[in-house]
N, C-alpha and C. Protein backbone atom coordinates (compact mmCIF):
# COMPACT_ATOMS: atom_id res chain seq x y z
N GLN A 1 60.66 21.15 80.26
CA GLN A 1 60.86 22.19 79.32
C GLN A 1 61.93 22.13 78.46
N LEU A 2 61.93 21.76 76.92
CA LEU A 2 63.25 21.86 76.35
C LEU A 2 63.22 23.27 75.56
N VAL A 3 64.73 23.68 75.54
CA VAL A 3 65.04 25.17 75.06
C VAL A 3 66.44 24.78 74.34
N GLU A 4 65.96 24.83 72.87
CA GLU A 4 67.10 24.94 71.82
C GLU A 4 67.88 26.51 71.97
N SER A 5 69.20 26.34 71.34
CA SER A 5 69.63 27.50 71.16
C SER A 5 70.92 27.01 70.18
N GLY A 6 71.60 28.23 69.67
CA GLY A 6 72.67 27.91 68.85
C GLY A 6 72.44 28.15 67.29
N GLY A 7 71.21 28.41 66.86
CA GLY A 7 70.72 28.66 65.57
C GLY A 7 71.56 29.87 64.87
N GLY A 8 71.37 30.19 63.72
CA GLY A 8 72.08 31.36 63.23
C GLY A 8 72.10 31.33 61.59
N MET A 9 72.55 32.59 61.33
CA MET A 9 72.53 32.65 59.82
C MET A 9 74.16 32.44 59.18
N VAL A 10 74.50 31.50 58.32
CA VAL A 10 75.77 31.14 58.07
C VAL A 10 75.91 30.92 56.34
N GLN A 11 77.22 31.01 56.11
CA GLN A 11 77.61 30.54 54.55
C GLN A 11 77.55 29.11 54.49
N ALA A 12 77.35 28.68 53.33
CA ALA A 12 77.49 27.39 53.08
C ALA A 12 79.02 27.06 53.23
N GLY A 13 79.13 25.79 53.86
CA GLY A 13 80.39 25.07 54.32
C GLY A 13 80.85 25.56 55.64
N SER A 14 79.85 26.16 56.33
CA SER A 14 80.13 26.50 57.87
C SER A 14 79.52 25.62 58.49
N SER A 15 80.04 25.54 59.97
CA SER A 15 79.40 24.81 60.93
C SER A 15 78.76 25.46 61.82
N LEU A 16 77.61 24.87 62.64
CA LEU A 16 76.94 25.21 63.88
C LEU A 16 76.89 24.28 64.76
N ARG A 17 76.74 24.36 66.12
CA ARG A 17 76.51 23.72 67.18
C ARG A 17 75.38 23.79 67.87
N LEU A 18 74.31 23.01 67.57
CA LEU A 18 72.78 23.29 68.22
C LEU A 18 73.07 22.77 69.77
N SER A 19 72.35 23.51 70.76
CA SER A 19 72.13 22.70 72.01
C SER A 19 70.38 22.84 72.49
N CYS A 20 70.38 21.81 73.31
CA CYS A 20 68.85 21.47 73.89
C CYS A 20 69.12 21.32 75.10
N VAL A 21 68.61 22.31 76.01
CA VAL A 21 68.62 21.92 77.34
C VAL A 21 67.22 21.78 77.80
N LEU A 22 67.01 20.44 78.72
CA LEU A 22 66.14 20.10 79.55
C LEU A 22 65.96 20.67 81.11
N SER A 23 64.89 21.17 81.26
CA SER A 23 64.86 21.78 82.56
C SER A 23 63.51 21.18 83.21
N GLY A 24 63.43 20.72 84.37
CA GLY A 24 62.32 20.38 85.23
C GLY A 24 62.04 18.93 84.71
N GLY A 25 62.93 18.05 84.54
CA GLY A 25 62.65 16.68 83.91
C GLY A 25 63.90 15.82 84.02
N THR A 26 63.67 14.53 83.82
CA THR A 26 64.92 13.69 84.12
C THR A 26 65.44 13.60 82.58
N PHE A 27 66.55 13.73 82.22
CA PHE A 27 67.09 13.67 81.03
C PHE A 27 67.84 12.30 80.54
N SER A 28 68.42 11.47 81.47
CA SER A 28 69.28 10.56 81.06
C SER A 28 68.43 9.33 80.77
N ASP A 29 67.25 9.05 80.92
CA ASP A 29 66.58 7.81 80.73
C ASP A 29 65.73 7.69 79.35
N TYR A 30 65.86 8.61 78.62
CA TYR A 30 65.03 8.71 77.38
C TYR A 30 65.71 9.01 76.08
N PRO A 31 65.20 8.44 75.15
CA PRO A 31 65.80 8.72 73.76
C PRO A 31 65.30 10.21 73.56
N MET A 32 66.00 11.08 72.58
CA MET A 32 65.84 12.26 72.31
C MET A 32 66.35 12.44 70.62
N GLY A 33 65.86 13.45 70.01
CA GLY A 33 66.08 13.55 68.52
C GLY A 33 66.18 14.75 68.14
N TRP A 34 66.61 15.16 67.01
CA TRP A 34 66.44 16.53 66.32
C TRP A 34 65.72 16.40 65.16
N PHE A 35 64.71 17.34 64.96
CA PHE A 35 64.05 17.48 63.93
C PHE A 35 64.19 18.75 63.19
N ARG A 36 63.77 18.94 61.74
CA ARG A 36 63.84 20.19 61.20
C ARG A 36 62.62 20.36 60.31
N GLN A 37 62.25 21.55 60.49
CA GLN A 37 61.21 22.07 59.22
C GLN A 37 61.55 23.13 58.40
N ALA A 38 61.49 22.55 57.25
CA ALA A 38 61.92 23.49 56.15
C ALA A 38 61.07 24.80 55.90
N PRO A 39 61.44 25.97 55.53
CA PRO A 39 60.47 27.26 55.01
C PRO A 39 59.53 26.56 54.21
N GLY A 40 58.20 26.87 54.73
CA GLY A 40 57.19 26.23 53.61
C GLY A 40 57.03 25.00 53.80
N GLY A 41 57.68 24.40 54.70
CA GLY A 41 57.15 22.63 54.87
C GLY A 41 56.12 22.60 55.72
N THR A 42 55.44 21.49 55.56
CA THR A 42 54.14 21.26 56.75
C THR A 42 54.73 20.11 57.72
N GLU A 43 55.84 19.34 57.39
CA GLU A 43 56.15 18.19 58.45
C GLU A 43 57.38 18.50 58.75
N ARG A 44 57.70 17.92 60.15
CA ARG A 44 59.01 18.04 60.61
C ARG A 44 59.86 16.59 60.27
N GLU A 45 60.99 16.89 59.76
CA GLU A 45 61.68 15.71 59.34
C GLU A 45 62.95 15.29 60.44
N LEU A 46 62.99 14.00 60.62
CA LEU A 46 64.18 13.80 61.64
C LEU A 46 65.50 14.13 61.17
N VAL A 47 66.16 14.52 61.74
CA VAL A 47 67.47 14.71 61.40
C VAL A 47 68.63 13.54 61.88
N GLY A 48 68.32 13.45 63.17
CA GLY A 48 69.47 12.54 63.86
C GLY A 48 68.52 12.21 65.42
N ALA A 49 68.89 11.13 65.80
CA ALA A 49 68.12 10.60 67.19
C ALA A 49 69.01 9.70 67.70
N THR A 50 68.89 10.01 69.07
CA THR A 50 69.70 8.91 69.82
C THR A 50 69.16 8.18 70.95
N SER A 51 69.92 7.21 71.24
CA SER A 51 69.20 6.25 72.51
C SER A 51 69.13 6.91 73.87
N TRP A 52 68.88 5.99 74.86
CA TRP A 52 68.54 6.84 76.25
C TRP A 52 70.03 7.11 76.58
N SER A 53 70.86 6.00 76.01
CA SER A 53 72.15 6.13 76.65
C SER A 53 73.26 6.81 75.96
N GLY A 54 72.70 7.15 74.78
CA GLY A 54 73.58 8.01 73.70
C GLY A 54 74.52 6.86 72.96
N ARG A 55 74.52 5.77 73.04
CA ARG A 55 75.42 4.72 72.54
C ARG A 55 74.88 4.11 71.02
N ALA A 56 73.46 4.70 70.89
CA ALA A 56 73.10 4.27 69.14
C ALA A 56 72.75 5.52 69.00
N THR A 57 72.71 5.66 67.77
CA THR A 57 72.65 6.74 67.02
C THR A 57 71.85 6.64 65.88
N TYR A 58 71.31 7.69 64.96
CA TYR A 58 70.45 7.13 63.67
C TYR A 58 70.68 8.81 63.19
N TYR A 59 70.84 8.85 61.86
CA TYR A 59 71.06 9.97 61.06
C TYR A 59 70.12 9.67 59.70
N ALA A 60 69.42 11.08 59.43
CA ALA A 60 68.81 10.74 57.80
C ALA A 60 69.86 11.06 57.11
N ASP A 61 69.75 10.19 55.83
CA ASP A 61 70.70 9.92 54.73
C ASP A 61 71.26 11.59 54.23
N SER A 62 70.46 12.52 54.29
CA SER A 62 70.85 13.94 53.97
C SER A 62 71.56 14.35 54.71
N VAL A 63 72.07 14.09 55.94
CA VAL A 63 73.09 14.55 56.78
C VAL A 63 74.15 13.78 57.55
N LYS A 64 74.07 12.46 56.93
CA LYS A 64 75.07 11.50 57.45
C LYS A 64 76.16 12.02 56.86
N GLY A 65 77.28 11.83 57.87
CA GLY A 65 78.66 12.22 57.86
C GLY A 65 78.98 13.64 57.96
N ARG A 66 77.88 14.43 57.86
CA ARG A 66 78.03 15.74 58.24
C ARG A 66 77.53 16.50 59.67
N PHE A 67 76.67 15.71 60.18
CA PHE A 67 75.87 16.02 61.61
C PHE A 67 76.04 14.92 62.56
N THR A 68 76.15 15.51 63.81
CA THR A 68 76.89 14.54 64.96
C THR A 68 75.81 14.82 65.95
N ILE A 69 74.97 14.01 66.38
CA ILE A 69 74.16 14.08 67.71
C ILE A 69 74.86 13.52 68.89
N SER A 70 74.82 14.25 69.91
CA SER A 70 75.44 13.82 71.46
C SER A 70 74.56 14.36 72.54
N ARG A 71 74.78 13.64 73.60
CA ARG A 71 74.25 13.77 74.74
C ARG A 71 75.16 14.21 75.79
N GLU A 72 74.70 14.95 76.70
CA GLU A 72 75.74 15.06 78.01
C GLU A 72 74.50 15.23 79.33
N SER A 73 74.81 13.98 79.95
CA SER A 73 73.72 13.88 81.16
C SER A 73 73.93 14.82 81.89
N ALA A 74 75.31 15.18 82.54
CA ALA A 74 75.68 15.85 83.44
C ALA A 74 75.19 17.27 83.34
N LYS A 75 74.86 17.81 81.90
CA LYS A 75 74.37 19.15 82.05
C LYS A 75 72.84 18.95 81.26
N ASN A 76 72.15 17.96 81.43
CA ASN A 76 70.83 17.84 80.72
C ASN A 76 70.67 18.67 79.37
N THR A 77 71.76 17.96 78.69
CA THR A 77 71.86 18.86 77.22
C THR A 77 72.11 17.72 75.98
N LEU A 78 71.53 17.93 75.06
CA LEU A 78 71.51 17.42 73.62
C LEU A 78 72.02 18.45 72.75
N TYR A 79 73.14 17.87 72.09
CA TYR A 79 73.78 18.61 70.94
C TYR A 79 73.37 18.07 69.72
N LEU A 80 73.44 18.80 68.80
CA LEU A 80 73.66 18.62 67.26
C LEU A 80 74.94 19.40 66.53
N GLN A 81 75.87 18.77 66.52
CA GLN A 81 76.99 19.73 65.61
C GLN A 81 76.99 19.24 64.13
N MET A 82 76.81 20.10 63.59
CA MET A 82 76.55 20.41 61.99
C MET A 82 77.79 21.11 61.26
N THR A 83 78.22 20.36 60.54
CA THR A 83 79.39 20.99 59.52
C THR A 83 78.96 20.37 57.96
N SER A 84 80.01 21.40 57.14
CA SER A 84 79.41 21.39 55.83
C SER A 84 78.45 21.89 55.51
N LEU A 85 77.72 22.88 56.09
CA LEU A 85 76.28 23.19 55.96
C LEU A 85 75.97 23.35 54.42
N LYS A 86 74.86 23.09 54.12
CA LYS A 86 74.39 23.46 52.86
C LYS A 86 73.17 24.32 52.96
N PRO A 87 72.74 24.92 51.53
CA PRO A 87 71.74 25.87 51.72
C PRO A 87 70.31 25.08 51.96
N GLU A 88 70.10 23.97 51.65
CA GLU A 88 68.96 22.79 51.98
C GLU A 88 69.21 22.63 53.28
N ASP A 89 69.71 22.81 54.12
CA ASP A 89 70.03 22.72 55.72
C ASP A 89 69.24 23.44 56.44
N THR A 90 68.72 24.85 55.59
CA THR A 90 68.01 25.81 56.19
C THR A 90 66.58 25.28 56.53
N ALA A 91 66.30 25.60 57.99
CA ALA A 91 65.28 25.18 58.83
C ALA A 91 65.05 25.69 59.69
N VAL A 92 63.82 25.36 60.72
CA VAL A 92 63.71 25.45 62.09
C VAL A 92 64.02 24.29 62.61
N TYR A 93 65.10 24.04 63.62
CA TYR A 93 65.49 22.81 64.40
C TYR A 93 64.86 22.69 65.57
N TYR A 94 64.37 21.68 65.95
CA TYR A 94 63.74 21.21 67.16
C TYR A 94 64.34 19.94 67.87
N CYS A 95 64.23 20.14 69.19
CA CYS A 95 64.83 18.94 69.70
C CYS A 95 63.66 18.28 70.43
N ALA A 96 63.35 17.10 70.50
CA ALA A 96 62.32 16.45 71.16
C ALA A 96 62.87 15.21 72.06
N GLU A 97 62.00 14.68 72.96
CA GLU A 97 62.33 13.77 73.90
C GLU A 97 61.17 12.84 73.99
N SER A 98 61.44 11.54 73.85
CA SER A 98 60.59 10.53 74.06
C SER A 98 60.09 9.98 75.52
N PRO A 99 58.83 9.76 75.65
CA PRO A 99 58.40 9.15 77.11
C PRO A 99 59.08 7.46 77.47
N ARG A 100 59.51 7.18 76.26
CA ARG A 100 59.73 5.68 76.45
C ARG A 100 61.28 5.35 77.11
N GLY A 101 60.99 5.16 78.35
CA GLY A 101 62.44 4.91 79.14
C GLY A 101 63.31 3.89 78.82
N ARG A 102 64.58 4.35 78.60
CA ARG A 102 65.55 3.17 78.20
C ARG A 102 65.38 2.68 76.72
N ALA A 103 64.95 3.49 75.95
CA ALA A 103 64.98 2.77 74.62
C ALA A 103 65.73 3.38 73.59
N THR A 104 65.78 2.31 72.67
CA THR A 104 67.14 2.77 71.39
C THR A 104 66.48 4.24 70.76
N PHE A 105 67.19 4.49 69.82
CA PHE A 105 66.90 5.73 69.12
C PHE A 105 65.38 5.62 68.36
N LEU A 106 64.50 6.42 68.33
CA LEU A 106 63.31 6.50 67.80
C LEU A 106 63.28 7.44 66.58
N THR A 107 62.77 6.99 65.47
CA THR A 107 62.71 7.79 64.22
C THR A 107 61.39 8.32 63.56
N GLU A 108 60.46 8.22 64.53
CA GLU A 108 58.91 8.50 64.12
C GLU A 108 58.44 9.84 65.00
N THR A 109 58.10 10.89 64.28
CA THR A 109 57.73 11.90 64.95
C THR A 109 56.46 11.79 66.14
N ASP A 110 55.79 10.73 66.00
CA ASP A 110 54.52 10.69 66.81
C ASP A 110 55.30 9.83 68.06
N GLU A 111 56.53 9.41 68.05
CA GLU A 111 57.08 8.67 69.27
C GLU A 111 57.46 9.63 70.38
N TYR A 112 57.65 11.18 69.83
CA TYR A 112 57.97 12.04 70.66
C TYR A 112 57.05 12.84 71.32
N ASP A 113 57.23 13.11 72.80
CA ASP A 113 55.92 13.73 73.22
C ASP A 113 56.40 15.17 73.65
N TYR A 114 57.52 15.56 73.68
CA TYR A 114 58.00 16.88 74.12
C TYR A 114 58.92 17.33 73.25
N TRP A 115 58.45 18.57 73.03
CA TRP A 115 59.09 19.40 72.03
C TRP A 115 59.53 20.89 72.38
N GLY A 116 60.93 21.16 72.02
CA GLY A 116 61.37 22.59 72.31
C GLY A 116 60.58 23.41 71.29
N GLN A 117 60.98 24.56 71.47
CA GLN A 117 60.31 25.97 70.63
C GLN A 117 61.04 26.08 69.15
N GLY A 118 62.36 25.57 68.83
CA GLY A 118 62.94 25.72 67.87
C GLY A 118 64.00 26.58 67.82
N THR A 119 64.87 26.60 66.83
CA THR A 119 65.92 27.60 66.72
C THR A 119 66.09 27.35 65.05
N GLN A 120 66.26 28.91 64.72
CA GLN A 120 66.31 28.89 63.20
C GLN A 120 68.01 28.73 62.72
N VAL A 121 67.92 27.89 61.59
CA VAL A 121 69.30 27.84 60.95
C VAL A 121 69.06 28.23 59.36
N ALA A 122 69.85 29.40 58.97
CA ALA A 122 69.67 29.81 57.53
C ALA A 122 71.18 29.52 56.72
N VAL A 123 71.10 29.24 56.03
CA VAL A 123 72.42 28.77 55.16
C VAL A 123 72.29 29.45 53.85
N SER A 124 73.36 30.25 53.41
CA SER A 124 73.42 30.98 52.16
C SER A 124 74.18 30.35 51.64
N SER A 125 74.03 30.55 50.28
CA SER A 125 75.09 29.84 49.24
C SER A 125 76.21 31.06 48.72
């Protein structure tokens, strides 16, 4: 089970750190990612992804240089540090885990099997 937290309502330019805790599973061997779905949107957009080891990462162009994905195996936790937030970052943010053991980062939604329930981020101008 993946459980996200850390969302909230903030002003543009602020920072937030999202957390995603995995319970009841193996955290350290699998690639993970953060996705978001904007209000009224029908698809989830990949924001950032990390390899199983955390040594390789990927970011969408829209967040590159502002967001940082990281993982802490000792705590079974995936993080998304978000800085310089913009109104267009407003969305529900989801963490996801792939079943592909010891793989590099994955960028397609259908490569992830396990999803959290999401945490809302709202950025006002």
